[in-house]
């Protein structure tokens, strides 16, 4: 028997190099969630009370997809900043800072846990 800890315990570091398009820096993904949002509306919030920041869309071929980010990933940190108790707007601002070409994310992913468990069988 495998002891079940936090179901989102499998963390992954992802480094996204922003794509420069004129004045804009493109990450290539969208987020949902935040402490000011209704977690019941978030399709990735398991118990419908998780107010974390989740990846809701990844642009095909965009910087986030190239870096390995996936829809449903939960964003735990952005460049070392804790993202577990932030508003949607605070999260968006952390991700879209003009002076940062590289965004380092710490995410947790459901499929990682399943892959690890499967490899242990």
Protein backbone atom coordinates (compact mmCIF):
# COMPACT_ATOMS: atom_id res chain seq x y z
CA UNK A 1 0.00 0.00 0.00
CA UNK A 2 1.18 3.49 -0.87
CA UNK A 3 0.51 6.12 1.79
CA UNK A 4 -1.58 8.86 0.21
CA UNK A 5 -0.32 12.28 1.08
CA UNK A 6 -1.49 15.55 -0.44
CA UNK A 7 -3.06 14.61 -3.79
CA UNK A 8 -1.22 17.53 -5.38
CA UNK A 9 2.16 16.74 -3.85
CA UNK A 10 3.91 16.17 -7.19
CA UNK A 11 5.56 19.43 -8.07
CA UNK A 12 7.22 20.43 -11.29
CA UNK A 13 9.35 23.45 -12.15
CA UNK A 14 8.61 25.09 -15.48
CA UNK A 15 10.58 27.93 -17.01
CA UNK A 16 8.79 29.98 -19.66
CA UNK A 17 10.68 32.40 -21.89
CA UNK A 18 8.23 35.14 -22.80
CA UNK A 19 7.75 35.81 -26.49
CA UNK A 20 8.21 39.45 -27.45
CA UNK A 21 5.57 40.78 -29.84
CA UNK A 22 6.15 44.50 -30.26
CA UNK A 23 5.32 46.08 -26.90
CA UNK A 24 3.89 42.85 -25.51
CA UNK A 25 5.48 39.89 -23.77
CA UNK A 26 3.48 36.74 -24.50
CA UNK A 27 3.31 33.79 -22.09
CA UNK A 28 0.79 31.75 -24.05
CA UNK A 29 -1.53 30.67 -21.26
CA UNK A 30 -4.54 31.82 -19.27
CA UNK A 31 -5.30 31.41 -15.59
CA UNK A 32 -8.40 31.00 -13.48
CA UNK A 33 -9.00 31.07 -9.75
CA UNK A 34 -7.83 33.29 -6.92
CA UNK A 35 -9.04 34.03 -3.40
CA UNK A 36 -11.51 36.59 -4.78
CA UNK A 37 -13.10 34.13 -7.25
CA UNK A 38 -15.85 31.53 -6.77
CA UNK A 39 -14.02 28.16 -6.64
CA UNK A 40 -17.28 26.43 -7.56
CA UNK A 41 -16.88 27.93 -11.04
CA UNK A 42 -13.36 26.51 -11.45
CA UNK A 43 -13.43 23.19 -13.34
CA UNK A 44 -10.03 22.23 -11.86
CA UNK A 45 -10.92 22.87 -8.21
CA UNK A 46 -11.46 19.33 -6.95
CA UNK A 47 -13.54 19.87 -3.86
CA UNK A 48 -14.95 23.17 -5.20
CA UNK A 49 -13.35 25.06 -2.32
CA UNK A 50 -9.79 25.34 -3.68
CA UNK A 51 -9.13 29.02 -4.46
CA UNK A 52 -5.74 28.37 -6.03
CA UNK A 53 -4.55 29.67 -9.40
CA UNK A 54 -5.02 27.17 -12.21
CA UNK A 55 -3.97 27.09 -15.86
CA UNK A 56 -7.23 27.19 -17.83
CA UNK A 57 -5.86 27.46 -21.37
CA UNK A 58 -2.52 26.87 -23.10
CA UNK A 59 -1.91 28.33 -26.57
CA UNK A 60 -0.78 25.59 -29.00
CA UNK A 61 2.84 26.21 -29.97
CA UNK A 62 3.13 29.13 -27.53
CA UNK A 63 5.93 29.66 -24.98
CA UNK A 64 4.00 27.95 -22.13
CA UNK A 65 3.29 24.81 -24.19
CA UNK A 66 6.91 24.66 -25.38
CA UNK A 67 8.00 24.86 -21.71
CA UNK A 68 5.71 21.95 -20.77
CA UNK A 69 2.87 23.75 -18.98
CA UNK A 70 -0.46 21.93 -19.15
CA UNK A 71 -4.10 22.85 -18.73
CA UNK A 72 -5.17 22.05 -15.17
CA UNK A 73 -1.75 22.71 -13.64
CA UNK A 74 -2.02 24.51 -10.30
CA UNK A 75 0.42 27.43 -9.98
CA UNK A 76 2.11 27.35 -6.57
CA UNK A 77 4.87 29.92 -7.16
CA UNK A 78 5.88 32.51 -9.77
CA UNK A 79 9.56 33.55 -9.63
CA UNK A 80 9.66 32.57 -5.96
CA UNK A 81 6.44 34.39 -5.00
CA UNK A 82 3.82 32.29 -3.20
CA UNK A 83 0.67 32.06 -5.35
CA UNK A 84 -1.52 29.99 -3.01
CA UNK A 85 -3.34 32.95 -1.40
CA UNK A 86 -3.56 35.66 -4.08
CA UNK A 87 -6.39 37.36 -5.93
CA UNK A 88 -6.86 36.71 -9.63
CA UNK A 89 -5.51 40.18 -10.42
CA UNK A 90 -2.44 39.78 -8.19
CA UNK A 91 -1.64 36.51 -9.97
CA UNK A 92 -2.05 38.08 -13.39
CA UNK A 93 0.24 40.99 -12.44
CA UNK A 94 2.94 38.62 -11.12
CA UNK A 95 2.89 36.71 -14.40
CA UNK A 96 2.91 39.72 -16.72
CA UNK A 97 5.66 41.90 -15.22
CA UNK A 98 7.16 43.95 -18.04
CA UNK A 99 10.77 43.66 -16.85
CA UNK A 100 10.80 39.85 -16.66
CA UNK A 101 11.59 37.89 -19.82
CA UNK A 102 11.60 34.57 -17.98
CA UNK A 103 8.87 33.28 -15.69
CA UNK A 104 9.77 30.39 -13.38
CA UNK A 105 6.72 28.49 -12.21
CA UNK A 106 6.31 25.82 -9.57
CA UNK A 107 3.20 23.83 -10.44
CA UNK A 108 1.47 20.73 -9.19
CA UNK A 109 -0.19 18.36 -11.58
CA UNK A 110 -2.63 15.51 -11.17
CA UNK A 111 -1.27 13.44 -14.04
CA UNK A 112 2.20 13.50 -12.46
CA UNK A 113 0.87 11.73 -9.40
CA UNK A 114 -0.89 9.13 -11.53
CA UNK A 115 2.26 8.56 -13.59
CA UNK A 116 4.35 8.08 -10.44
CA UNK A 117 1.82 5.71 -8.89
CA UNK A 118 1.60 3.75 -12.16
CA UNK A 119 5.41 3.38 -12.29
CA UNK A 120 5.38 1.96 -8.74
CA UNK A 121 2.97 -0.84 -9.63
